[in-house]
Amino acid sequence: MVIREVGLLFRGFTLVKKSYHKTTLGKIDSDLRSGLLTALLNFAETAFSTGSVEYFQGNRLTIAFINANILADDSVEPELLISYAIIDKHKRIDKYVKKLVNPLLIKGA
């Protein structure tokens, strides 16, 4: 399993991102990418009503998520902080997400 990228999203923007391996050939705007990841997660949680989504699996890559709530200085209510990891697709991805990726994302959040 190869971890391609990890990061933190808050209010639809990237707070921190670290790329370990390139996932694309071109340059992608970080604000657009952050908004897309946030929108995908919000859509899935609304559409499937299962609570929190752990990961999305594509043809080549898997995106794993962990949600946490934090209290920002300019807010009176806790807001969503999203930790994410982009990893290579693997046959037994459930095992890797639960045992390896989720603990790393929880530490980051």
PDB file of N, CA and C in Angstrom:
ATOM      1  N   MET A   1       0.843  -1.176   0.000  1.00  0.00           N
ATOM      2  CA  MET A   1       0.000   0.000   0.000  1.00  0.00           C
ATOM      3  C   MET A   1       0.886   1.236   0.000  1.00  0.00           C
ATOM      4  N   VAL A   2       0.583   2.166  -0.900  1.00  0.00           N
ATOM      5  CA  VAL A   2       1.340   3.406  -1.013  1.00  0.00           C
ATOM      6  C   VAL A   2       0.439   4.565  -0.611  1.00  0.00           C
ATOM      7  N   ILE A   3       0.888   5.361   0.348  1.00  0.00           N
ATOM      8  CA  ILE A   3       0.178   6.584   0.706  1.00  0.00           C
ATOM      9  C   ILE A   3       0.684   7.681  -0.216  1.00  0.00           C
ATOM     10  N   ARG A   4      -0.204   8.214  -1.035  1.00  0.00           N
ATOM     11  CA  ARG A   4       0.163   9.246  -2.009  1.00  0.00           C
ATOM     12  C   ARG A   4       0.126  10.643  -1.404  1.00  0.00           C
ATOM     13  N   GLU A   5      -0.873  10.903  -0.566  1.00  0.00           N
ATOM     14  CA  GLU A   5      -1.054  12.254  -0.027  1.00  0.00           C
ATOM     15  C   GLU A   5      -1.882  12.193   1.242  1.00  0.00           C
ATOM     16  N   VAL A   6      -1.620  13.098   2.177  1.00  0.00           N
ATOM     17  CA  VAL A   6      -2.441  13.270   3.375  1.00  0.00           C
ATOM     18  C   VAL A   6      -2.677  14.762   3.577  1.00  0.00           C
ATOM     19  N   GLY A   7      -3.760  15.093   4.271  1.00  0.00           N
ATOM     20  CA  GLY A   7      -4.031  16.504   4.505  1.00  0.00           C
ATOM     21  C   GLY A   7      -5.179  16.726   5.462  1.00  0.00           C
ATOM     22  N   LEU A   8      -5.368  18.007   5.822  1.00  0.00           N
ATOM     23  CA  LEU A   8      -6.459  18.446   6.677  1.00  0.00           C
ATOM     24  C   LEU A   8      -7.284  19.482   5.925  1.00  0.00           C
ATOM     25  N   LEU A   9      -8.606  19.323   5.959  1.00  0.00           N
ATOM     26  CA  LEU A   9      -9.526  20.263   5.320  1.00  0.00           C
ATOM     27  C   LEU A   9     -10.397  20.912   6.386  1.00  0.00           C
ATOM     28  N   PHE A  10     -10.595  22.225   6.264  1.00  0.00           N
ATOM     29  CA  PHE A  10     -11.453  22.958   7.191  1.00  0.00           C
ATOM     30  C   PHE A  10     -12.199  24.020   6.399  1.00  0.00           C
ATOM     31  N   ARG A  11     -13.519  24.032   6.513  1.00  0.00           N
ATOM     32  CA  ARG A  11     -14.375  24.968   5.784  1.00  0.00           C
ATOM     33  C   ARG A  11     -14.151  24.909   4.274  1.00  0.00           C
ATOM     34  N   GLY A  12     -13.833  23.734   3.770  1.00  0.00           N
ATOM     35  CA  GLY A  12     -13.651  23.553   2.335  1.00  0.00           C
ATOM     36  C   GLY A  12     -12.288  23.955   1.808  1.00  0.00           C
ATOM     37  N   PHE A  13     -11.355  24.292   2.690  1.00  0.00           N
ATOM     38  CA  PHE A  13     -10.009  24.686   2.272  1.00  0.00           C
ATOM     39  C   PHE A  13      -8.962  23.784   2.913  1.00  0.00           C
ATOM     40  N   THR A  14      -7.825  23.654   2.259  1.00  0.00           N
ATOM     41  CA  THR A  14      -6.734  22.836   2.771  1.00  0.00           C
ATOM     42  C   THR A  14      -5.947  23.618   3.811  1.00  0.00           C
ATOM     43  N   LEU A  15      -5.835  23.062   5.016  1.00  0.00           N
ATOM     44  CA  LEU A  15      -4.980  23.660   6.039  1.00  0.00           C
ATOM     45  C   LEU A  15      -3.553  23.176   5.877  1.00  0.00           C
ATOM     46  N   VAL A  16      -3.408  21.861   5.720  1.00  0.00           N
ATOM     47  CA  VAL A  16      -2.095  21.230   5.586  1.00  0.00           C
ATOM     48  C   VAL A  16      -2.225  20.114   4.566  1.00  0.00           C
ATOM     49  N   LYS A  17      -1.217  19.973   3.707  1.00  0.00           N
ATOM     50  CA  LYS A  17      -1.210  18.880   2.729  1.00  0.00           C
ATOM     51  C   LYS A  17       0.230  18.440   2.519  1.00  0.00           C
ATOM     52  N   LYS A  18       0.437  17.146   2.496  1.00  0.00           N
ATOM     53  CA  LYS A  18       1.759  16.595   2.215  1.00  0.00           C
ATOM     54  C   LYS A  18       1.608  15.525   1.145  1.00  0.00           C
ATOM     55  N   SER A  19       2.292  15.724   0.025  1.00  0.00           N
ATOM     56  CA  SER A  19       2.279  14.741  -1.061  1.00  0.00           C
ATOM     57  C   SER A  19       3.547  13.909  -0.999  1.00  0.00           C
ATOM     58  N   TYR A  20       3.385  12.603  -1.056  1.00  0.00           N
ATOM     59  CA  TYR A  20       4.525  11.693  -1.027  1.00  0.00           C
ATOM     60  C   TYR A  20       4.837  11.139  -2.408  1.00  0.00           C
ATOM     61  N   HIS A  21       3.826  11.002  -3.237  1.00  0.00           N
ATOM     62  CA  HIS A  21       3.959  10.525  -4.613  1.00  0.00           C
ATOM     63  C   HIS A  21       2.959  11.295  -5.456  1.00  0.00           C
ATOM     64  N   LYS A  22       3.326  11.614  -6.681  1.00  0.00           N
ATOM     65  CA  LYS A  22       2.405  12.336  -7.563  1.00  0.00           C
ATOM     66  C   LYS A  22       1.196  11.469  -7.892  1.00  0.00           C
ATOM     67  N   THR A  23       0.019  12.096  -7.876  1.00  0.00           N
ATOM     68  CA  THR A  23      -1.202  11.389  -8.249  1.00  0.00           C
ATOM     69  C   THR A  23      -1.718  11.847  -9.603  1.00  0.00           C
ATOM     70  N   THR A  24      -1.205  12.962 -10.124  1.00  0.00           N
ATOM     71  CA  THR A  24      -1.639  13.483 -11.422  1.00  0.00           C
ATOM     72  C   THR A  24      -0.431  13.929 -12.227  1.00  0.00           C
ATOM     73  N   LEU A  25      -0.643  14.119 -13.506  1.00  0.00           N
ATOM     74  CA  LEU A  25       0.422  14.595 -14.380  1.00  0.00           C
ATOM     75  C   LEU A  25       0.503  16.113 -14.393  1.00  0.00           C
ATOM     76  N   GLY A  26      -0.597  16.796 -14.165  1.00  0.00           N
ATOM     77  CA  GLY A  26      -0.625  18.246 -14.230  1.00  0.00           C
ATOM     78  C   GLY A  26      -0.789  18.892 -12.865  1.00  0.00           C
ATOM     79  N   LYS A  27      -0.857  20.212 -12.873  1.00  0.00           N
ATOM     80  CA  LYS A  27      -1.045  20.992 -11.652  1.00  0.00           C
ATOM     81  C   LYS A  27      -2.538  21.192 -11.422  1.00  0.00           C
ATOM     82  N   ILE A  28      -3.002  20.932 -10.214  1.00  0.00           N
ATOM     83  CA  ILE A  28      -4.409  21.093  -9.863  1.00  0.00           C
ATOM     84  C   ILE A  28      -4.509  22.182  -8.804  1.00  0.00           C
ATOM     85  N   ASP A  29      -5.439  23.105  -8.989  1.00  0.00           N
ATOM     86  CA  ASP A  29      -5.654  24.180  -8.025  1.00  0.00           C
ATOM     87  C   ASP A  29      -6.059  23.582  -6.677  1.00  0.00           C
ATOM     88  N   SER A  30      -5.357  23.950  -5.614  1.00  0.00           N
ATOM     89  CA  SER A  30      -5.603  23.338  -4.304  1.00  0.00           C
ATOM     90  C   SER A  30      -6.974  23.710  -3.743  1.00  0.00           C
ATOM     91  N   ASP A  31      -7.459  24.925  -4.023  1.00  0.00           N
ATOM     92  CA  ASP A  31      -8.789  25.308  -3.538  1.00  0.00           C
ATOM     93  C   ASP A  31      -9.886  24.489  -4.211  1.00  0.00           C
ATOM     94  N   LEU A  32      -9.752  24.267  -5.521  1.00  0.00           N
ATOM     95  CA  LEU A  32     -10.738  23.443  -6.227  1.00  0.00           C
ATOM     96  C   LEU A  32     -10.709  22.004  -5.734  1.00  0.00           C
ATOM     97  N   ARG A  33      -9.520  21.494  -5.507  1.00  0.00           N
ATOM     98  CA  ARG A  33      -9.373  20.119  -5.018  1.00  0.00           C
ATOM     99  C   ARG A  33      -9.991  19.970  -3.629  1.00  0.00           C
ATOM    100  N   SER A  34      -9.720  20.917  -2.751  1.00  0.00           N
ATOM    101  CA  SER A  34     -10.270  20.880  -1.397  1.00  0.00           C
ATOM    102  C   SER A  34     -11.785  20.946  -1.418  1.00  0.00           C
ATOM    103  N   GLY A  35     -12.320  21.838  -2.237  1.00  0.00           N
ATOM    104  CA  GLY A  35     -13.767  21.956  -2.355  1.00  0.00           C
ATOM    105  C   GLY A  35     -14.407  20.687  -2.879  1.00  0.00           C
ATOM    106  N   LEU A  36     -13.759  20.057  -3.853  1.00  0.00           N
ATOM    107  CA  LEU A  36     -14.278  18.807  -4.410  1.00  0.00           C
ATOM    108  C   LEU A  36     -14.278  17.694  -3.363  1.00  0.00           C
ATOM    109  N   LEU A  37     -13.189  17.548  -2.620  1.00  0.00           N
ATOM    110  CA  LEU A  37     -13.128  16.513  -1.581  1.00  0.00           C
ATOM    111  C   LEU A  37     -14.198  16.745  -0.514  1.00  0.00           C
ATOM    112  N   THR A  38     -14.361  17.991  -0.088  1.00  0.00           N
ATOM    113  CA  THR A  38     -15.372  18.320   0.916  1.00  0.00           C
ATOM    114  C   THR A  38     -16.774  18.050   0.375  1.00  0.00           C
ATOM    115  N   ALA A  39     -17.028  18.443  -0.867  1.00  0.00           N
ATOM    116  CA  ALA A  39     -18.346  18.219  -1.473  1.00  0.00           C
ATOM    117  C   ALA A  39     -18.653  16.727  -1.616  1.00  0.00           C
ATOM    118  N   LEU A  40     -17.670  15.934  -2.031  1.00  0.00           N
ATOM    119  CA  LEU A  40     -17.874  14.483  -2.146  1.00  0.00           C
ATOM    120  C   LEU A  40     -18.256  13.873  -0.810  1.00  0.00           C
ATOM    121  N   LEU A  41     -17.545  14.242   0.226  1.00  0.00           N
ATOM    122  CA  LEU A  41     -17.814  13.695   1.549  1.00  0.00           C
ATOM    123  C   LEU A  41     -19.194  14.122   2.047  1.00  0.00           C
ATOM    124  N   ASN A  42     -19.530  15.392   1.901  1.00  0.00           N
ATOM    125  CA  ASN A  42     -20.842  15.875   2.339  1.00  0.00           C
ATOM    126  C   ASN A  42     -21.970  15.217   1.557  1.00  0.00           C
ATOM    127  N   PHE A  43     -21.793  15.058   0.247  1.00  0.00           N
ATOM    128  CA  PHE A  43     -22.805  14.396  -0.573  1.00  0.00           C
ATOM    129  C   PHE A  43     -23.018  12.954  -0.122  1.00  0.00           C
ATOM    130  N   ALA A  44     -21.933  12.224   0.066  1.00  0.00           N
ATOM    131  CA  ALA A  44     -22.045  10.811   0.439  1.00  0.00           C
ATOM    132  C   ALA A  44     -22.731  10.643   1.785  1.00  0.00           C
ATOM    133  N   GLU A  45     -22.392  11.492   2.740  1.00  0.00           N
ATOM    134  CA  GLU A  45     -23.006  11.372   4.060  1.00  0.00           C
ATOM    135  C   GLU A  45     -24.489  11.719   4.018  1.00  0.00           C
ATOM    136  N   THR A  46     -24.864  12.663   3.174  1.00  0.00           N
ATOM    137  CA  THR A  46     -26.275  13.028   3.034  1.00  0.00           C
ATOM    138  C   THR A  46     -27.044  11.966   2.248  1.00  0.00           C
ATOM    139  N   ALA A  47     -26.472  11.500   1.160  1.00  0.00           N
ATOM    140  CA  ALA A  47     -27.165  10.559   0.276  1.00  0.00           C
ATOM    141  C   ALA A  47     -27.333   9.178   0.892  1.00  0.00           C
ATOM    142  N   PHE A  48     -26.334   8.706   1.610  1.00  0.00           N
ATOM    143  CA  PHE A  48     -26.379   7.338   2.112  1.00  0.00           C
ATOM    144  C   PHE A  48     -26.838   7.235   3.553  1.00  0.00           C
ATOM    145  N   SER A  49     -26.918   8.319   4.276  1.00  0.00           N
ATOM    146  CA  SER A  49     -27.442   8.359   5.647  1.00  0.00           C
ATOM    147  C   SER A  49     -26.834   7.299   6.555  1.00  0.00           C
ATOM    148  N   THR A  50     -25.560   7.032   6.399  1.00  0.00           N
ATOM    149  CA  THR A  50     -24.923   6.007   7.226  1.00  0.00           C
ATOM    150  C   THR A  50     -24.019   6.614   8.286  1.00  0.00           C
ATOM    151  N   GLY A  51     -24.106   7.904   8.491  1.00  0.00           N
ATOM    152  CA  GLY A  51     -23.187   8.529   9.429  1.00  0.00           C
ATOM    153  C   GLY A  51     -21.951   8.977   8.693  1.00  0.00           C
ATOM    154  N   SER A  52     -20.792   8.549   9.156  1.00  0.00           N
ATOM    155  CA  SER A  52     -19.561   9.003   8.505  1.00  0.00           C
ATOM    156  C   SER A  52     -19.102   8.003   7.450  1.00  0.00           C
ATOM    157  N   VAL A  53     -18.612   8.533   6.348  1.00  0.00           N
ATOM    158  CA  VAL A  53     -18.068   7.723   5.264  1.00  0.00           C
ATOM    159  C   VAL A  53     -16.594   7.503   5.570  1.00  0.00           C
ATOM    160  N   GLU A  54     -16.116   6.271   5.476  1.00  0.00           N
ATOM    161  CA  GLU A  54     -14.720   5.981   5.781  1.00  0.00           C
ATOM    162  C   GLU A  54     -13.813   6.180   4.582  1.00  0.00           C
ATOM    163  N   TYR A  55     -14.291   5.793   3.389  1.00  0.00           N
ATOM    164  CA  TYR A  55     -13.445   5.952   2.213  1.00  0.00           C
ATOM    165  C   TYR A  55     -14.259   5.859   0.934  1.00  0.00           C
ATOM    166  N   PHE A  56     -13.666   6.407  -0.148  1.00  0.00           N
ATOM    167  CA  PHE A  56     -14.175   6.249  -1.506  1.00  0.00           C
ATOM    168  C   PHE A  56     -13.137   5.460  -2.269  1.00  0.00           C
ATOM    169  N   GLN A  57     -13.589   4.503  -3.053  1.00  0.00           N
ATOM    170  CA  GLN A  57     -12.663   3.694  -3.840  1.00  0.00           C
ATOM    171  C   GLN A  57     -12.907   3.945  -5.318  1.00  0.00           C
ATOM    172  N   GLY A  58     -11.851   4.318  -6.040  1.00  0.00           N
ATOM    173  CA  GLY A  58     -11.929   4.543  -7.474  1.00  0.00           C
ATOM    174  C   GLY A  58     -11.212   3.441  -8.226  1.00  0.00           C
ATOM    175  N   ASN A  59     -10.948   3.675  -9.508  1.00  0.00           N
ATOM    176  CA  ASN A  59     -10.249   2.675 -10.320  1.00  0.00           C
ATOM    177  C   ASN A  59      -8.801   2.494  -9.897  1.00  0.00           C
ATOM    178  N   ARG A  60      -8.124   3.593  -9.574  1.00  0.00           N
ATOM    179  CA  ARG A  60      -6.698   3.532  -9.221  1.00  0.00           C
ATOM    180  C   ARG A  60      -6.404   3.896  -7.772  1.00  0.00           C
ATOM    181  N   LEU A  61      -7.221   4.784  -7.209  1.00  0.00           N
ATOM    182  CA  LEU A  61      -6.917   5.334  -5.892  1.00  0.00           C
ATOM    183  C   LEU A  61      -8.090   5.172  -4.940  1.00  0.00           C
ATOM    184  N   THR A  62      -7.775   5.233  -3.647  1.00  0.00           N
ATOM    185  CA  THR A  62      -8.776   5.240  -2.593  1.00  0.00           C
ATOM    186  C   THR A  62      -8.535   6.480  -1.745  1.00  0.00           C
ATOM    187  N   ILE A  63      -9.616   7.177  -1.384  1.00  0.00           N
ATOM    188  CA  ILE A  63      -9.515   8.353  -0.526  1.00  0.00           C
ATOM    189  C   ILE A  63     -10.192   8.008   0.790  1.00  0.00           C
ATOM    190  N   ALA A  64      -9.415   7.998   1.881  1.00  0.00           N
ATOM    191  CA  ALA A  64      -9.941   7.683   3.210  1.00  0.00           C
ATOM    192  C   ALA A  64     -10.132   8.982   3.990  1.00  0.00           C
ATOM    193  N   PHE A  65     -11.211   9.042   4.801  1.00  0.00           N
ATOM    194  CA  PHE A  65     -11.554  10.238   5.558  1.00  0.00           C
ATOM    195  C   PHE A  65     -11.753   9.914   7.030  1.00  0.00           C
ATOM    196  N   ILE A  66     -11.421  10.877   7.889  1.00  0.00           N
ATOM    197  CA  ILE A  66     -11.798  10.854   9.297  1.00  0.00           C
ATOM    198  C   ILE A  66     -12.336  12.241   9.621  1.00  0.00           C
ATOM    199  N   ASN A  67     -13.494  12.317  10.239  1.00  0.00           N
ATOM    200  CA  ASN A  67     -14.089  13.599  10.626  1.00  0.00           C
ATOM    201  C   ASN A  67     -13.851  13.862  12.102  1.00  0.00           C
ATOM    202  N   ALA A  68     -13.560  15.118  12.427  1.00  0.00           N
ATOM    203  CA  ALA A  68     -13.435  15.550  13.815  1.00  0.00           C
ATOM    204  C   ALA A  68     -14.098  16.917  13.920  1.00  0.00           C
ATOM    205  N   ASN A  69     -14.526  17.283  15.097  1.00  0.00           N
ATOM    206  CA  ASN A  69     -15.097  18.609  15.321  1.00  0.00           C
ATOM    207  C   ASN A  69     -14.131  19.441  16.138  1.00  0.00           C
ATOM    208  N   ILE A  70     -13.929  20.695  15.708  1.00  0.00           N
ATOM    209  CA  ILE A  70     -13.067  21.615  16.445  1.00  0.00           C
ATOM    210  C   ILE A  70     -13.820  22.926  16.640  1.00  0.00           C
ATOM    211  N   LEU A  71     -13.413  23.679  17.640  1.00  0.00           N
ATOM    212  CA  LEU A  71     -14.006  24.978  17.914  1.00  0.00           C
ATOM    213  C   LEU A  71     -13.052  26.054  17.414  1.00  0.00           C
ATOM    214  N   ALA A  72     -13.456  26.771  16.379  1.00  0.00           N
ATOM    215  CA  ALA A  72     -12.638  27.842  15.818  1.00  0.00           C
ATOM    216  C   ALA A  72     -12.802  29.101  16.664  1.00  0.00           C
ATOM    217  N   ASP A  73     -11.810  29.984  16.606  1.00  0.00           N
ATOM    218  CA  ASP A  73     -11.854  31.225  17.375  1.00  0.00           C
ATOM    219  C   ASP A  73     -13.022  32.121  16.971  1.00  0.00           C
ATOM    220  N   ASP A  74     -13.418  32.069  15.709  1.00  0.00           N
ATOM    221  CA  ASP A  74     -14.473  32.953  15.222  1.00  0.00           C
ATOM    222  C   ASP A  74     -15.845  32.278  15.163  1.00  0.00           C
ATOM    223  N   SER A  75     -16.017  31.184  15.880  1.00  0.00           N
ATOM    224  CA  SER A  75     -17.277  30.449  15.854  1.00  0.00           C
ATOM    225  C   SER A  75     -17.675  30.047  17.271  1.00  0.00           C
ATOM    226  N   VAL A  76     -18.985  29.958  17.497  1.00  0.00           N
ATOM    227  CA  VAL A  76     -19.458  29.541  18.817  1.00  0.00           C
ATOM    228  C   VAL A  76     -19.806  28.058  18.855  1.00  0.00           C
ATOM    229  N   GLU A  77     -19.914  27.433  17.686  1.00  0.00           N
ATOM    230  CA  GLU A  77     -20.223  26.009  17.616  1.00  0.00           C
ATOM    231  C   GLU A  77     -19.071  25.250  16.979  1.00  0.00           C
ATOM    232  N   PRO A  78     -18.871  23.999  17.369  1.00  0.00           N
ATOM    233  CA  PRO A  78     -17.814  23.192  16.742  1.00  0.00           C
ATOM    234  C   PRO A  78     -18.063  23.027  15.244  1.00  0.00           C
ATOM    235  N   GLU A  79     -16.976  22.993  14.483  1.00  0.00           N
ATOM    236  CA  GLU A  79     -17.054  22.836  13.034  1.00  0.00           C
ATOM    237  C   GLU A  79     -16.262  21.605  12.617  1.00  0.00           C
ATOM    238  N   LEU A  80     -16.541  21.149  11.402  1.00  0.00           N
ATOM    239  CA  LEU A  80     -15.957  19.917  10.889  1.00  0.00           C
ATOM    240  C   LEU A  80     -14.519  20.113  10.425  1.00  0.00           C
ATOM    241  N   LEU A  81     -13.630  19.265  10.902  1.00  0.00           N
ATOM    242  CA  LEU A  81     -12.248  19.174  10.433  1.00  0.00           C
ATOM    243  C   LEU A  81     -12.110  17.794   9.804  1.00  0.00           C
ATOM    244  N   ILE A  82     -11.659  17.753   8.555  1.00  0.00           N
ATOM    245  CA  ILE A  82     -11.564  16.493   7.818  1.00  0.00           C
ATOM    246  C   ILE A  82     -10.101  16.140   7.604  1.00  0.00           C
ATOM    247  N   SER A  83      -9.690  14.969   8.071  1.00  0.00           N
ATOM    248  CA  SER A  83      -8.371  14.419   7.755  1.00  0.00           C
ATOM    249  C   SER A  83      -8.567  13.448   6.603  1.00  0.00           C
ATOM    250  N   TYR A  84      -7.682  13.502   5.616  1.00  0.00           N
ATOM    251  CA  TYR A  84      -7.829  12.594   4.484  1.00  0.00           C
ATOM    252  C   TYR A  84      -6.482  12.012   4.081  1.00  0.00           C
ATOM    253  N   ALA A  85      -6.546  10.858   3.441  1.00  0.00           N
ATOM    254  CA  ALA A  85      -5.365  10.213   2.863  1.00  0.00           C
ATOM    255  C   ALA A  85      -5.761   9.650   1.508  1.00  0.00           C
ATOM    256  N   ILE A  86      -4.906   9.872   0.517  1.00  0.00           N
ATOM    257  CA  ILE A  86      -5.103   9.293  -0.809  1.00  0.00           C
ATOM    258  C   ILE A  86      -4.097   8.164  -0.942  1.00  0.00           C
ATOM    259  N   ILE A  87      -4.599   6.958  -1.143  1.00  0.00           N
ATOM    260  CA  ILE A  87      -3.744   5.772  -1.194  1.00  0.00           C
ATOM    261  C   ILE A  87      -4.041   4.982  -2.465  1.00  0.00           C
ATOM    262  N   ASP A  88      -3.105   4.116  -2.839  1.00  0.00           N
ATOM    263  CA  ASP A  88      -3.324   3.241  -3.990  1.00  0.00           C
ATOM    264  C   ASP A  88      -4.425   2.240  -3.676  1.00  0.00           C
ATOM    265  N   LYS A  89      -5.185   1.889  -4.695  1.00  0.00           N
ATOM    266  CA  LYS A  89      -6.233   0.884  -4.540  1.00  0.00           C
ATOM    267  C   LYS A  89      -5.584  -0.461  -4.220  1.00  0.00           C
ATOM    268  N   HIS A  90      -6.205  -1.197  -3.324  1.00  0.00           N
ATOM    269  CA  HIS A  90      -5.685  -2.488  -2.896  1.00  0.00           C
ATOM    270  C   HIS A  90      -6.848  -3.461  -2.791  1.00  0.00           C
ATOM    271  N   LYS A  91      -6.579  -4.745  -2.958  1.00  0.00           N
ATOM    272  CA  LYS A  91      -7.639  -5.758  -2.934  1.00  0.00           C
ATOM    273  C   LYS A  91      -8.387  -5.782  -1.604  1.00  0.00           C
ATOM    274  N   ARG A  92      -7.672  -5.734  -0.505  1.00  0.00           N
ATOM    275  CA  ARG A  92      -8.300  -5.807   0.814  1.00  0.00           C
ATOM    276  C   ARG A  92      -8.241  -4.438   1.487  1.00  0.00           C
ATOM    277  N   ILE A  93      -8.847  -3.452   0.841  1.00  0.00           N
ATOM    278  CA  ILE A  93      -8.732  -2.074   1.298  1.00  0.00           C
ATOM    279  C   ILE A  93      -9.382  -1.852   2.658  1.00  0.00           C
ATOM    280  N   ASP A  94     -10.467  -2.570   2.975  1.00  0.00           N
ATOM    281  CA  ASP A  94     -11.106  -2.421   4.287  1.00  0.00           C
ATOM    282  C   ASP A  94     -10.111  -2.645   5.412  1.00  0.00           C
ATOM    283  N   LYS A  95      -9.332  -3.693   5.305  1.00  0.00           N
ATOM    284  CA  LYS A  95      -8.343  -4.037   6.324  1.00  0.00           C
ATOM    285  C   LYS A  95      -7.315  -2.919   6.488  1.00  0.00           C
ATOM    286  N   TYR A  96      -6.804  -2.406   5.379  1.00  0.00           N
ATOM    287  CA  TYR A  96      -5.776  -1.369   5.443  1.00  0.00           C
ATOM    288  C   TYR A  96      -6.319  -0.044   5.963  1.00  0.00           C
ATOM    289  N   VAL A  97      -7.524   0.299   5.555  1.00  0.00           N
ATOM    290  CA  VAL A  97      -8.108   1.556   6.023  1.00  0.00           C
ATOM    291  C   VAL A  97      -8.344   1.499   7.524  1.00  0.00           C
ATOM    292  N   LYS A  98      -8.916   0.412   8.016  1.00  0.00           N
ATOM    293  CA  LYS A  98      -9.247   0.313   9.438  1.00  0.00           C
ATOM    294  C   LYS A  98      -8.022   0.145  10.333  1.00  0.00           C
ATOM    295  N   LYS A  99      -7.035  -0.617   9.889  1.00  0.00           N
ATOM    296  CA  LYS A  99      -5.891  -0.915  10.754  1.00  0.00           C
ATOM    297  C   LYS A  99      -4.725   0.049  10.605  1.00  0.00           C
ATOM    298  N   LEU A 100      -4.547   0.636   9.415  1.00  0.00           N
ATOM    299  CA  LEU A 100      -3.381   1.492   9.194  1.00  0.00           C
ATOM    300  C   LEU A 100      -3.731   2.955   8.969  1.00  0.00           C
ATOM    301  N   VAL A 101      -4.628   3.214   8.043  1.00  0.00           N
ATOM    302  CA  VAL A 101      -4.893   4.594   7.636  1.00  0.00           C
ATOM    303  C   VAL A 101      -5.689   5.355   8.694  1.00  0.00           C
ATOM    304  N   ASN A 102      -6.785   4.794   9.189  1.00  0.00           N
ATOM    305  CA  ASN A 102      -7.599   5.497  10.173  1.00  0.00           C
ATOM    306  C   ASN A 102      -6.827   5.902  11.424  1.00  0.00           C
ATOM    307  N   PRO A 103      -6.008   5.030  12.024  1.00  0.00           N
ATOM    308  CA  PRO A 103      -5.230   5.478  13.183  1.00  0.00           C
ATOM    309  C   PRO A 103      -4.298   6.653  12.867  1.00  0.00           C
ATOM    310  N   LEU A 104      -3.718   6.671  11.673  1.00  0.00           N
ATOM    311  CA  LEU A 104      -2.859   7.796  11.288  1.00  0.00           C
ATOM    312  C   LEU A 104      -3.668   9.081  11.142  1.00  0.00           C
ATOM    313  N   LEU A 105      -4.835   8.993  10.534  1.00  0.00           N
ATOM    314  CA  LEU A 105      -5.670  10.175  10.354  1.00  0.00           C
ATOM    315  C   LEU A 105      -6.213  10.690  11.681  1.00  0.00           C
ATOM    316  N   ILE A 106      -6.532   9.793  12.595  1.00  0.00           N
ATOM    317  CA  ILE A 106      -7.021  10.207  13.913  1.00  0.00           C
ATOM    318  C   ILE A 106      -5.931  10.968  14.663  1.00  0.00           C
ATOM    319  N   LYS A 107      -4.691  10.520  14.560  1.00  0.00           N
ATOM    320  CA  LYS A 107      -3.583  11.245  15.194  1.00  0.00           C
ATOM    321  C   LYS A 107      -3.427  12.637  14.607  1.00  0.00           C
ATOM    322  N   GLY A 108      -3.645  12.761  13.290  1.00  0.00           N
ATOM    323  CA  GLY A 108      -3.514  14.054  12.621  1.00  0.00           C
ATOM    324  C   GLY A 108      -4.617  15.028  12.980  1.00  0.00           C
ATOM    325  N   ALA A 109      -5.792  14.489  13.264  1.00  0.00           N
ATOM    326  CA  ALA A 109      -6.921  15.364  13.603  1.00  0.00           C
ATOM    327  C   ALA A 109      -6.809  15.744  15.050  1.00  0.00           C
TER     328      ALA A 109
END
